[in-house]
Amino acid sequence: MRIVVFGGSFNPVHLGHLILAEEALEELKADACVFIPAYKAPHKDRATGASDQDRVDMLKAAIEGQSRFVIDGCEIARKGVSYTVSTLDQVIQRYHPEGKPVLLIGDDLAPGFASWRDPDKIAAMADIALARRTRDGCAVFPWRHVRLGNSLIEISSSLIRDKFGRGISCRQSLPPGAFRIIRERGLYGYSDKPGEGVAPTSSSR
């Protein structure tokens, strides 16, 4: 089985994530995409506005019925900083992929790849696929890789969180299941009444 590894905060998961995963599977001729929600990404603060369980539940609801999508909570279970090199080691041991797993990286993150823990080891353990996230792309990436021709969808989790906090609906940008959980749990300051959102906090429960 050839697998694609797709890590991120998924705070919240949105339609851009799902479209990218689907297009990556098709272009790379892979069998499954493993979504791995981060506990704490290096160089970033911990995800706010939703708990770890909220983020996992939104992912589960978003991919329901899609047999080629899988969620793995290894980084949340490990806690601490979520280093990709450690995650790849766990993925290889757990899924026994055919050949190397494909590591999906947005081209917006590519310029900082040299600062990741053991970037050369990551490149040796996985085939790297750079996904289009910016219009200009990444001009130079010295590690062996492929560049995907995926659709450029201008949706971001941070923008969605900000809009919800200001009482602006982002329903059209979200999988129905993920939106349902946001509404039911009042995540990201969501309110059914326009203009009554509140600034996101570290926990909305």
Protein backbone atom coordinates (compact mmCIF):
# COMPACT_ATOMS: atom_id res chain seq x y z
CA MET A 1 0.00 0.00 0.00
CA ARG A 2 1.36 3.40 -0.99
CA ILE A 3 0.45 6.07 1.54
CA VAL A 4 0.51 9.86 1.73
CA VAL A 5 1.29 11.43 5.12
CA PHE A 6 -0.56 14.70 5.67
CA GLY A 7 0.25 16.45 8.94
CA GLY A 8 -1.09 19.69 10.34
CA SER A 9 -3.04 21.30 13.14
CA PHE A 10 -6.37 20.86 11.29
CA ASN A 11 -7.73 23.60 13.52
CA PRO A 12 -10.23 23.29 11.96
CA VAL A 13 -10.05 20.88 9.03
CA HIS A 14 -11.52 22.60 5.96
CA LEU A 15 -12.46 21.74 2.39
CA GLY A 16 -9.04 22.81 1.11
CA HIS A 17 -7.44 20.02 3.18
CA LEU A 18 -9.78 17.38 1.76
CA ILE A 19 -9.44 18.54 -1.84
CA LEU A 20 -5.64 18.57 -1.54
CA ALA A 21 -5.63 15.06 -0.05
CA GLU A 22 -7.86 13.73 -2.85
CA GLU A 23 -5.82 15.37 -5.59
CA ALA A 24 -2.55 14.15 -4.06
CA LEU A 25 -3.82 10.57 -3.99
CA GLU A 26 -4.77 10.76 -7.66
CA GLU A 27 -1.59 12.46 -8.88
CA LEU A 28 0.73 10.27 -6.82
CA LYS A 29 -1.26 7.10 -7.53
CA ALA A 30 -1.36 6.36 -3.80
CA ASP A 31 -3.83 4.17 -1.93
CA ALA A 32 -4.45 6.09 1.30
CA CYS A 33 -3.92 9.49 2.90
CA VAL A 34 -3.07 9.43 6.61
CA PHE A 35 -4.10 12.66 8.35
CA ILE A 36 -1.93 13.29 11.42
CA PRO A 37 -3.10 16.13 13.69
CA ALA A 38 -0.16 17.75 15.46
CA TYR A 39 0.07 18.07 19.23
CA LYS A 40 2.47 21.01 19.01
CA ALA A 41 4.14 21.88 15.74
CA PRO A 42 7.73 23.16 15.95
CA HIS A 43 8.00 26.97 15.65
CA LYS A 44 4.27 27.35 16.43
CA ASP A 45 2.16 27.84 19.53
CA ARG A 46 -0.19 25.07 20.59
CA ALA A 47 -3.47 24.99 18.67
CA THR A 48 -6.13 27.15 20.32
CA GLY A 49 -9.88 27.45 20.00
CA ALA A 50 -10.46 23.69 20.05
CA SER A 51 -9.17 20.84 22.18
CA ASP A 52 -7.16 17.93 20.77
CA GLN A 53 -10.30 15.80 20.93
CA ASP A 54 -12.32 18.49 19.15
CA ARG A 55 -9.81 18.54 16.29
CA VAL A 56 -9.82 14.75 16.00
CA ASP A 57 -13.62 14.64 16.12
CA MET A 58 -13.86 17.25 13.37
CA LEU A 59 -11.48 15.21 11.21
CA LYS A 60 -13.48 12.05 11.82
CA ALA A 61 -16.71 13.78 10.87
CA ALA A 62 -15.09 15.37 7.81
CA ILE A 63 -13.76 12.12 6.29
CA GLU A 64 -16.68 9.86 7.20
CA GLY A 65 -17.45 7.49 4.35
CA GLN A 66 -14.16 8.13 2.53
CA SER A 67 -12.34 4.81 2.68
CA ARG A 68 -9.00 6.15 1.45
CA PHE A 69 -8.71 8.68 4.27
CA VAL A 70 -7.32 7.61 7.66
CA ILE A 71 -6.65 9.51 10.90
CA ASP A 72 -3.65 8.67 13.07
CA GLY A 73 -3.33 10.32 16.47
CA CYS A 74 0.30 9.35 17.09
CA GLU A 75 1.52 12.94 17.60
CA ILE A 76 -1.25 13.76 20.06
CA ALA A 77 -0.53 10.52 21.92
CA ARG A 78 3.22 11.33 22.05
CA LYS A 79 2.55 14.89 23.25
CA GLY A 80 5.50 17.27 23.33
CA VAL A 81 6.74 18.85 20.11
CA SER A 82 5.54 17.00 17.01
CA TYR A 83 8.72 16.25 15.05
CA THR A 84 8.09 14.86 11.57
CA VAL A 85 11.10 12.55 11.69
CA SER A 86 9.63 10.75 14.73
CA THR A 87 6.21 10.58 13.13
CA LEU A 88 7.56 9.02 9.94
CA ASP A 89 9.30 6.34 11.99
CA GLN A 90 5.99 5.47 13.67
CA VAL A 91 4.08 5.54 10.39
CA ILE A 92 6.51 3.16 8.71
CA GLN A 93 6.36 0.73 11.63
CA ARG A 94 2.57 0.90 11.85
CA TYR A 95 1.49 0.79 8.18
CA HIS A 96 4.38 -1.06 6.47
CA PRO A 97 3.89 0.97 3.28
CA GLU A 98 4.94 -0.24 -0.13
CA GLY A 99 8.16 1.69 -0.69
CA LYS A 100 8.61 4.99 1.11
CA PRO A 101 5.63 6.93 2.44
CA VAL A 102 4.96 10.22 0.65
CA LEU A 103 5.31 13.26 2.90
CA LEU A 104 2.98 16.04 1.80
CA ILE A 105 4.41 19.52 2.48
CA GLY A 106 2.88 22.83 1.50
CA ASP A 107 5.24 25.00 -0.55
CA ASP A 108 4.68 27.74 2.05
CA LEU A 109 6.55 25.55 4.58
CA ALA A 110 9.30 24.46 2.21
CA PRO A 111 11.62 27.47 2.77
CA GLY A 112 11.87 26.53 6.46
CA PHE A 113 12.47 22.82 5.88
CA ALA A 114 16.20 23.14 6.63
CA SER A 115 15.32 24.10 10.22
CA TRP A 116 13.23 20.96 10.80
CA ARG A 117 14.74 18.26 12.98
CA ASP A 118 16.95 15.97 10.81
CA PRO A 119 15.75 17.19 7.38
CA ASP A 120 18.20 14.90 5.56
CA LYS A 121 16.85 11.89 7.46
CA ILE A 122 13.28 12.94 6.62
CA ALA A 123 14.21 13.12 2.94
CA ALA A 124 15.80 9.65 3.18
CA MET A 125 12.78 8.13 4.93
CA ALA A 126 10.05 9.58 2.70
CA ASP A 127 9.34 10.75 -0.80
CA ILE A 128 8.58 14.48 -0.50
CA ALA A 129 5.71 16.02 -2.43
CA LEU A 130 5.41 19.81 -2.45
CA ALA A 131 1.83 20.98 -2.71
CA ARG A 132 0.83 24.38 -4.11
CA ARG A 133 -0.24 26.67 -1.28
CA THR A 134 1.01 29.98 -2.63
CA ARG A 135 0.81 31.62 -6.05
CA ASP A 136 4.56 32.15 -6.30
CA GLY A 137 5.54 28.69 -5.08
CA CYS A 138 8.91 27.75 -3.64
CA ALA A 139 11.74 28.60 -6.03
CA VAL A 140 14.44 26.41 -4.45
CA PHE A 141 14.11 23.15 -2.53
CA PRO A 142 17.40 21.22 -2.61
CA TRP A 143 16.04 17.88 -1.40
CA ARG A 144 14.69 15.35 -3.87
CA HIS A 145 10.98 15.97 -4.37
CA VAL A 146 8.04 16.19 -6.73
CA ARG A 147 5.83 19.24 -7.19
CA LEU A 148 2.11 18.65 -7.31
CA GLY A 149 -0.22 20.39 -9.70
CA ASN A 150 -3.02 20.59 -7.15
CA SER A 151 -5.71 23.26 -7.17
CA LEU A 152 -4.78 26.47 -5.37
CA ILE A 153 -7.59 26.96 -2.85
CA GLU A 154 -7.31 30.10 -0.77
CA ILE A 155 -8.76 28.84 2.50
CA SER A 156 -6.86 28.79 5.79
CA SER A 157 -7.72 27.55 9.25
CA SER A 158 -6.49 30.80 10.81
CA LEU A 159 -8.82 32.86 8.62
CA ILE A 160 -11.75 30.59 9.53
CA ARG A 161 -11.01 30.94 13.25
CA ASP A 162 -10.78 34.71 12.92
CA LYS A 163 -14.08 34.95 11.04
CA PHE A 164 -15.95 32.78 13.51
CA GLY A 165 -14.59 34.90 16.35
CA ARG A 166 -16.00 38.00 14.64
CA GLY A 167 -19.40 36.40 14.10
CA ILE A 168 -18.89 35.72 10.38
CA SER A 169 -20.06 32.34 9.07
CA CYS A 170 -17.51 30.13 7.27
CA ARG A 171 -19.90 27.26 6.64
CA GLN A 172 -19.15 27.16 2.92
CA SER A 173 -15.45 26.50 3.60
CA LEU A 174 -16.00 23.53 5.92
CA PRO A 175 -17.04 19.90 5.54
CA PRO A 176 -20.60 19.59 6.90
CA GLY A 177 -19.57 17.27 9.75
CA ALA A 178 -16.83 19.62 10.93
CA PHE A 179 -19.19 22.60 10.84
CA ARG A 180 -21.77 20.68 12.85
CA ILE A 181 -19.24 20.07 15.64
CA ILE A 182 -18.14 23.71 15.64
CA ARG A 183 -21.77 24.81 15.93
CA GLU A 184 -22.74 22.27 18.61
CA ARG A 185 -19.67 22.94 20.78
CA GLY A 186 -19.40 26.67 20.18
CA LEU A 187 -15.80 26.36 18.99
CA TYR A 188 -13.78 29.40 17.91
CA GLY A 189 -16.35 31.69 19.49
CA TYR A 190 -19.06 30.47 17.12
CA SER A 191 -22.51 31.92 17.66
CA ASP A 192 -25.74 31.38 15.70
CA LYS A 193 -26.35 35.10 16.00
CA PRO A 194 -24.23 37.31 13.70
CA GLY A 195 -21.92 39.66 15.53
CA GLU A 196 -22.00 37.72 18.80
CA GLY A 197 -18.81 35.73 18.29
CA VAL A 198 -16.03 36.05 20.82
CA ALA A 199 -12.29 35.88 20.47
CA PRO A 200 -11.05 32.24 20.48
CA THR A 201 -9.58 30.91 23.74
CA SER A 202 -7.32 27.98 24.49
CA SER A 203 -10.34 25.84 25.26
CA SER A 204 -13.90 26.48 24.21
CA ARG A 205 -15.48 23.74 26.30
